[in-house]
Amino acid sequence: MTGGFENFGVRSDLADDVLLECGICWTRYDPAEGDVVAQIAPGTPFSALPDEWHCPNCDAPKAKFMVIES
């Protein structure tokens, strides 16, 4: 078996209002709030974040974020 979880990338079928959490530092991305640090407007779904966006707390890439089950 080759590769690891890093090769899966970011899912494109996420609902616009889904909450995600960084798998490194547990920082949440809530689309309703956006990201003040990166000047991402409230209402921006995770799938619409730029490819270069990263965790505002620990600098982890988008691929490290996981869906929070409600």
Protein backbone atom coordinates (compact mmCIF):
# COMPACT_ATOMS: atom_id res chain seq x y z
CA MET A 1 0.00 0.00 0.00
CA THR A 2 1.37 3.42 -0.90
CA GLY A 3 0.54 6.91 0.28
CA GLY A 4 -1.26 8.05 3.36
CA PHE A 5 -4.24 10.11 4.33
CA GLU A 6 -2.54 13.22 2.91
CA ASN A 7 -3.27 11.94 -0.59
CA PHE A 8 -7.04 12.08 -0.18
CA GLY A 9 -7.29 15.90 -0.36
CA VAL A 10 -10.39 17.91 0.47
CA ARG A 11 -13.82 16.47 -0.32
CA SER A 12 -15.85 18.53 -2.74
CA ASP A 13 -19.26 17.15 -1.72
CA LEU A 14 -19.48 18.91 1.65
CA ALA A 15 -22.67 20.76 2.54
CA ASP A 16 -22.22 24.53 2.63
CA ASP A 17 -23.02 24.75 6.35
CA VAL A 18 -20.92 21.82 7.61
CA LEU A 19 -18.58 22.46 10.55
CA LEU A 20 -15.01 21.24 10.25
CA GLU A 21 -12.24 20.82 12.78
CA CYS A 22 -8.47 20.82 12.39
CA GLY A 23 -7.08 17.35 13.08
CA ILE A 24 -3.91 18.89 14.50
CA CYS A 25 -5.07 21.57 16.97
CA TRP A 26 -8.89 21.12 17.00
CA THR A 27 -9.62 24.65 15.74
CA ARG A 28 -13.07 24.76 14.13
CA TYR A 29 -14.02 26.33 10.83
CA ASP A 30 -17.63 27.49 10.93
CA PRO A 31 -18.87 28.77 7.56
CA ALA A 32 -21.32 31.08 9.34
CA GLU A 33 -18.36 32.87 10.94
CA GLY A 34 -15.75 32.68 8.16
CA ASP A 35 -12.13 33.34 9.14
CA VAL A 36 -11.26 36.81 10.43
CA VAL A 37 -7.51 36.07 10.35
CA ALA A 38 -7.52 35.25 6.60
CA GLN A 39 -10.25 37.82 5.85
CA ILE A 40 -12.72 35.12 4.76
CA ALA A 41 -16.25 36.54 4.83
CA PRO A 42 -18.97 34.99 7.00
CA GLY A 43 -21.10 32.60 4.95
CA THR A 44 -18.13 31.17 3.01
CA PRO A 45 -18.41 27.36 2.79
CA PHE A 46 -15.28 25.29 3.39
CA SER A 47 -15.32 24.09 -0.23
CA ALA A 48 -15.04 27.73 -1.41
CA LEU A 49 -11.92 28.51 0.63
CA PRO A 50 -8.83 29.16 -1.50
CA ASP A 51 -6.47 26.20 -1.96
CA GLU A 52 -3.74 28.04 -0.05
CA TRP A 53 -6.01 28.59 3.00
CA HIS A 54 -4.69 26.98 6.18
CA CYS A 55 -5.64 26.65 9.84
CA PRO A 56 -5.47 30.09 11.44
CA ASN A 57 -4.12 28.54 14.65
CA CYS A 58 -1.50 25.95 13.64
CA ASP A 59 -1.03 26.53 9.88
CA ALA A 60 -2.25 23.02 8.92
CA PRO A 61 -3.51 22.66 5.31
CA LYS A 62 -7.19 22.24 4.40
CA ALA A 63 -6.69 18.49 3.96
CA LYS A 64 -6.15 18.14 7.73
CA PHE A 65 -9.69 19.34 8.51
CA MET A 66 -12.37 16.80 9.40
CA VAL A 67 -16.16 17.05 9.38
CA ILE A 68 -17.68 17.40 12.85
CA GLU A 69 -20.55 14.98 13.20
CA SER A 70 -23.59 16.53 14.86
